[in-house]
Amino acid sequence: MLKLMPLSLPILTFHAIDHSPAVISFSPKFFERGMRFLHQRGYRTLNLVDVAAYIRSGLSLPDRSIVLTFDDGYQSVYDHAFPILQRYGFSATVFLTVGGKRNGSNSGRLPEMSGRSMLSWSEIREMQRCEIEFGAHTLTHPDLTRLAITSAEREICDSKAIIEDSVSVPVTSFAYPYGRYDNRCREIVSHHFVCACSDQLGLVHASTDLYAVERVDAYYLRSRRLFDLISSPFFPWYIYGRNLPRQIRRSAQFWQSRSNG
C-alpha cells in the first residue's frame, strides 16, 4: 500500500547572500548558522524535480526534507552560499536571469541586477559539477503578465535554451520573475518544464500545482527564533499567519481593479 505524502514540505527562497539591509539580502553569517541548524537536525535536501516526482506519484517524501532555491543568480551565491552548501552536503537550485545570448565557452558574467554583480558562466559550471542545479528565470526579469504572448514566450524559452547550451544538461525548472504569472505564461511553462515556482507563500502539499509551486521567502526567517521554527510543528501555522494578510491585501487589490475597470 502506497503512503500518502506528508502534509507539507518547505521550499526556501534566497536571493543575495550579503550584508545589505535590502529585503532580498540574507547575511552570510546567518545563512551559515541556518544551514548548520538544518544539518544538525538531520534535514536532507531534495531537488525540485524530485519533489515534483513525489507529488505526481503520491508517495511520501523522506522525513525532514527541505528544498533550497536561489533566485536571480547573484555572485554572492557562489562567494558565500556555495561553500556552505558543500560543507553540509546540501543541494540547491539557482534560477538564472541570463540577459542576452551567451556563448557556452564564455566565462563572462551575467548582466548586473539590482546594483549587484552576477554569477559568471565559469562559476555556474563549477557549481553545476558539484550538484547545484540551475533553472530558468527569463532573460531580463520582466513581469511576464504585462508582456505580449510572443515576448513572454521568448523570455521563457530562450532563457532555458541559453542555460542548456552553457551547462550541457536539461533545464527542467522555472521561476516566474516576481512570482507573477497568468494562464498564458503557465501554459507556455507547462510545455517546457517539469515544474515552476510562484510567489505564493506556503508549503508544498499533495495538491500543489506543480506550475505554481509555493515557497517560503527567507525574508520571513531573518531571526534565529523564526528560522528555528522550520523544525517545529508550529511552522505551518507561522507561514499561514504570514500569508493571511497577503491574501487579504491581494483580494482587495483584485476587487478594486475590477471596480475601476
Protein backbone atom coordinates (compact mmCIF):
# COMPACT_ATOMS: atom_id res chain seq x y z
CA MET A 1 0.00 0.00 0.00
CA LEU A 2 1.36 3.42 -1.01
CA LYS A 3 1.95 6.00 1.68
CA LEU A 4 0.48 9.45 1.24
CA MET A 5 3.00 12.26 1.18
CA PRO A 6 3.27 14.35 4.36
CA LEU A 7 1.13 17.44 4.78
CA SER A 8 3.83 19.92 3.92
CA LEU A 9 7.38 20.50 2.77
CA PRO A 10 9.25 23.82 2.87
CA ILE A 11 10.96 25.23 -0.22
CA LEU A 12 13.12 28.12 0.97
CA THR A 13 13.86 31.05 -1.34
CA PHE A 14 17.03 33.13 -1.04
CA HIS A 15 18.31 35.87 -3.32
CA ALA A 16 21.52 37.71 -2.44
CA ILE A 17 23.72 36.40 0.39
CA ASP A 18 25.26 39.62 1.65
CA HIS A 19 25.12 42.19 4.45
CA SER A 20 22.83 44.68 2.72
CA PRO A 21 19.63 45.67 4.59
CA ALA A 22 17.64 45.11 1.37
CA VAL A 23 14.67 42.72 1.52
CA ILE A 24 16.40 40.38 -0.95
CA SER A 25 19.50 40.05 1.23
CA PHE A 26 20.33 37.34 3.78
CA SER A 27 23.55 37.67 5.76
CA PRO A 28 26.32 35.11 5.11
CA LYS A 29 26.80 34.54 8.84
CA PHE A 30 23.13 33.83 9.43
CA PHE A 31 22.95 31.66 6.30
CA GLU A 32 25.78 29.50 7.69
CA ARG A 33 24.03 29.31 11.04
CA GLY A 34 20.77 28.27 9.34
CA MET A 35 22.39 25.54 7.24
CA ARG A 36 24.24 24.24 10.30
CA PHE A 37 20.94 24.13 12.21
CA LEU A 38 19.25 22.12 9.43
CA HIS A 39 22.20 19.73 9.22
CA GLN A 40 22.25 19.19 12.98
CA ARG A 41 18.51 18.47 12.94
CA GLY A 42 19.02 15.76 10.33
CA TYR A 43 17.47 17.54 7.36
CA ARG A 44 18.23 16.41 3.84
CA THR A 45 17.84 18.49 0.71
CA LEU A 46 15.79 17.43 -2.27
CA ASN A 47 15.84 18.86 -5.77
CA LEU A 48 12.71 20.46 -7.16
CA VAL A 49 12.26 17.79 -9.82
CA ASP A 50 12.42 15.12 -7.10
CA VAL A 51 9.62 16.87 -5.21
CA ALA A 52 7.59 17.09 -8.42
CA ALA A 53 8.02 13.33 -8.91
CA TYR A 54 6.86 12.61 -5.35
CA ILE A 55 3.78 14.79 -5.81
CA ARG A 56 2.88 13.17 -9.12
CA SER A 57 3.29 9.66 -7.68
CA GLY A 58 1.56 10.35 -4.36
CA LEU A 59 4.41 8.68 -2.49
CA SER A 60 5.62 10.02 0.83
CA LEU A 61 8.59 12.35 0.95
CA PRO A 62 11.56 11.43 3.13
CA ASP A 63 11.28 12.72 6.67
CA ARG A 64 12.98 16.05 7.40
CA SER A 65 13.26 17.03 3.75
CA ILE A 66 13.74 20.57 2.51
CA VAL A 67 14.41 22.33 -0.80
CA LEU A 68 16.78 25.30 -1.13
CA THR A 69 16.41 27.75 -4.01
CA PHE A 70 18.14 30.98 -5.01
CA ASP A 71 16.56 33.46 -7.41
CA ASP A 72 18.29 35.71 -9.97
CA GLY A 73 21.86 34.34 -9.86
CA TYR A 74 23.86 36.79 -7.76
CA GLN A 75 27.62 36.31 -7.43
CA SER A 76 27.20 36.24 -3.65
CA VAL A 77 25.60 32.80 -4.01
CA TYR A 78 28.91 31.49 -5.33
CA ASP A 79 31.05 33.50 -2.91
CA HIS A 80 29.12 32.79 0.30
CA ALA A 81 26.36 30.19 -0.07
CA PHE A 82 28.11 27.64 -2.29
CA PRO A 83 30.97 26.80 0.15
CA ILE A 84 28.47 26.39 2.99
CA LEU A 85 26.22 24.12 0.93
CA GLN A 86 29.25 21.96 0.09
CA ARG A 87 30.27 21.83 3.75
CA TYR A 88 26.95 20.31 4.76
CA GLY A 89 26.36 18.23 1.63
CA PHE A 90 23.28 20.22 0.61
CA SER A 91 21.96 20.60 -2.91
CA ALA A 92 20.11 23.64 -4.27
CA THR A 93 18.50 25.11 -7.36
CA VAL A 94 19.64 28.51 -8.66
CA PHE A 95 17.26 30.30 -11.02
CA LEU A 96 19.23 32.40 -13.52
CA THR A 97 18.27 35.66 -15.19
CA VAL A 98 20.62 35.29 -18.14
CA GLY A 99 20.28 38.54 -20.07
CA GLY A 100 21.30 38.26 -23.73
CA LYS A 101 22.79 35.37 -25.63
CA ARG A 102 25.91 33.83 -24.09
CA ASN A 103 28.43 31.53 -25.72
CA GLY A 104 28.78 28.37 -23.64
CA SER A 105 32.57 28.75 -23.61
CA ASN A 106 32.37 32.34 -22.36
CA SER A 107 33.33 32.94 -18.73
CA GLY A 108 31.82 36.42 -18.63
CA ARG A 109 29.29 37.43 -16.01
CA LEU A 110 25.55 37.65 -16.38
CA PRO A 111 24.29 41.26 -16.66
CA GLU A 112 24.18 43.15 -13.37
CA MET A 113 20.89 43.28 -11.44
CA SER A 114 19.84 45.47 -8.52
CA GLY A 115 23.31 47.02 -8.49
CA ARG A 116 24.82 43.62 -7.72
CA SER A 117 27.36 41.51 -9.58
CA MET A 118 26.00 38.27 -11.01
CA LEU A 119 27.41 34.78 -11.49
CA SER A 120 29.82 34.06 -14.31
CA TRP A 121 29.38 31.08 -16.60
CA SER A 122 32.59 29.52 -15.27
CA GLU A 123 31.22 29.77 -11.69
CA ILE A 124 27.90 28.34 -12.85
CA ARG A 125 29.59 25.35 -14.46
CA GLU A 126 31.72 24.76 -11.37
CA MET A 127 28.62 24.75 -9.16
CA GLN A 128 26.79 22.50 -11.61
CA ARG A 129 29.60 19.94 -11.33
CA CYS A 130 29.06 19.99 -7.55
CA GLU A 131 25.38 19.02 -7.57
CA ILE A 132 23.90 22.53 -7.79
CA GLU A 133 21.07 22.63 -10.33
CA PHE A 134 20.12 25.60 -12.46
CA GLY A 135 16.68 26.68 -13.52
CA ALA A 136 15.44 29.42 -15.83
CA HIS A 137 14.27 32.82 -14.59
CA THR A 138 13.82 34.55 -18.01
CA LEU A 139 16.20 36.73 -19.99
CA THR A 140 15.58 40.15 -18.43
CA HIS A 141 13.40 39.52 -15.34
CA PRO A 142 10.18 41.19 -16.57
CA ASP A 143 6.67 40.87 -15.16
CA LEU A 144 5.52 38.25 -17.65
CA THR A 145 1.86 39.09 -17.13
CA ARG A 146 2.48 42.52 -18.70
CA LEU A 147 4.12 41.20 -21.88
CA ALA A 148 2.63 40.22 -25.20
CA ILE A 149 2.46 36.46 -25.51
CA THR A 150 5.27 36.31 -28.08
CA SER A 151 7.59 38.33 -25.83
CA ALA A 152 6.73 36.20 -22.79
CA GLU A 153 7.45 33.03 -24.76
CA ARG A 154 10.84 34.38 -25.87
CA GLU A 155 11.77 35.34 -22.29
CA ILE A 156 10.84 31.88 -21.03
CA CYS A 157 12.13 29.63 -23.79
CA ASP A 158 15.28 31.49 -24.78
CA SER A 159 16.48 31.60 -21.17
CA LYS A 160 16.10 27.83 -20.95
CA ALA A 161 18.00 27.33 -24.21
CA ILE A 162 20.88 29.60 -23.18
CA ILE A 163 21.41 27.80 -19.88
CA GLU A 164 21.21 24.38 -21.51
CA ASP A 165 23.78 25.43 -24.12
CA SER A 166 26.10 26.64 -21.37
CA VAL A 167 25.90 23.78 -18.85
CA SER A 168 25.06 20.94 -21.27
CA VAL A 169 22.28 19.47 -19.13
CA PRO A 170 18.48 19.78 -19.41
CA VAL A 171 16.87 22.70 -17.56
CA THR A 172 13.68 21.35 -16.03
CA SER A 173 12.54 24.03 -13.55
CA PHE A 174 11.44 27.64 -13.86
CA ALA A 175 10.70 30.53 -11.50
CA TYR A 176 8.38 33.35 -12.55
CA PRO A 177 10.01 36.79 -12.06
CA TYR A 178 8.39 38.46 -9.05
CA GLY A 179 6.42 35.20 -8.78
CA ARG A 180 3.82 36.61 -11.19
CA TYR A 181 2.14 34.52 -13.84
CA ASP A 182 -1.15 34.20 -15.67
CA ASN A 183 -2.81 31.38 -17.60
CA ARG A 184 -0.88 32.25 -20.77
CA CYS A 185 2.51 32.07 -19.04
CA ARG A 186 1.60 28.96 -17.12
CA GLU A 187 0.62 27.24 -20.35
CA ILE A 188 3.96 28.04 -22.01
CA VAL A 189 5.94 26.94 -18.96
CA SER A 190 4.00 23.69 -18.67
CA HIS A 191 5.14 22.67 -22.16
CA HIS A 192 8.84 23.19 -21.43
CA PHE A 193 9.47 22.49 -17.73
CA VAL A 194 8.72 19.84 -15.11
CA CYS A 195 7.71 22.45 -12.51
CA ALA A 196 7.67 26.19 -11.83
CA CYS A 197 7.79 28.33 -8.69
CA SER A 198 5.41 31.19 -7.95
CA ASP A 199 5.42 33.82 -5.19
CA GLN A 200 2.69 32.06 -3.25
CA LEU A 201 3.79 31.92 0.38
CA GLY A 202 3.17 28.42 1.63
CA LEU A 203 4.41 24.86 1.99
CA VAL A 204 4.29 22.19 -0.68
CA HIS A 205 1.49 19.67 -0.18
CA ALA A 206 -0.16 16.78 -2.01
CA SER A 207 -2.38 19.02 -4.15
CA THR A 208 0.29 21.61 -5.00
CA ASP A 209 0.02 22.98 -8.54
CA LEU A 210 3.39 22.00 -9.98
CA TYR A 211 3.36 25.10 -12.19
CA ALA A 212 2.64 27.46 -9.29
CA VAL A 213 4.72 25.88 -6.52
CA GLU A 214 4.61 27.56 -3.11
CA ARG A 215 7.80 28.71 -1.41
CA VAL A 216 8.90 30.42 1.81
CA ASP A 217 10.93 33.56 1.21
CA ALA A 218 13.91 33.79 3.58
CA TYR A 219 12.75 37.33 4.40
CA TYR A 220 10.29 35.69 6.83
CA LEU A 221 13.10 33.75 8.55
CA ARG A 222 15.59 36.52 9.37
CA SER A 223 15.96 35.78 13.06
CA ARG A 224 17.20 32.74 14.97
CA ARG A 225 13.80 32.20 16.56
CA LEU A 226 11.97 32.30 13.24
CA PHE A 227 14.46 30.12 11.36
CA ASP A 228 14.35 27.50 14.11
CA LEU A 229 10.59 27.22 13.62
CA ILE A 230 11.32 25.16 10.50
CA SER A 231 11.80 22.08 12.67
CA SER A 232 8.78 22.89 14.82
CA PRO A 233 5.19 21.64 14.36
CA PHE A 234 4.20 25.32 14.59
CA PHE A 235 5.99 26.22 11.35
CA PRO A 236 2.96 25.64 9.08
CA TRP A 237 0.90 27.87 11.38
CA TYR A 238 3.52 30.59 11.25
CA ILE A 239 3.51 30.52 7.44
CA TYR A 240 -0.27 30.51 7.38
CA GLY A 241 -0.33 33.54 9.67
CA ARG A 242 2.15 35.43 7.50
CA ASN A 243 0.27 34.53 4.33
CA LEU A 244 -3.21 35.54 5.51
CA PRO A 245 -2.70 39.33 5.31
CA ARG A 246 -1.04 38.89 1.89
CA GLN A 247 -4.11 37.10 0.61
CA ILE A 248 -6.46 39.69 2.06
CA ARG A 249 -4.43 42.51 0.51
CA ARG A 250 -4.32 40.85 -2.89
CA SER A 251 -8.02 40.11 -2.83
CA ALA A 252 -8.72 43.76 -2.04
CA GLN A 253 -6.45 44.86 -4.91
CA PHE A 254 -8.20 42.48 -7.29
CA TRP A 255 -11.68 43.74 -6.47
CA GLN A 256 -10.51 47.33 -6.60
CA SER A 257 -9.11 46.78 -10.09
CA ARG A 258 -12.39 45.17 -11.12
CA SER A 259 -14.42 48.10 -9.86
CA ASN A 260 -12.08 50.61 -11.55
CA GLY A 261 -12.29 48.70 -14.79
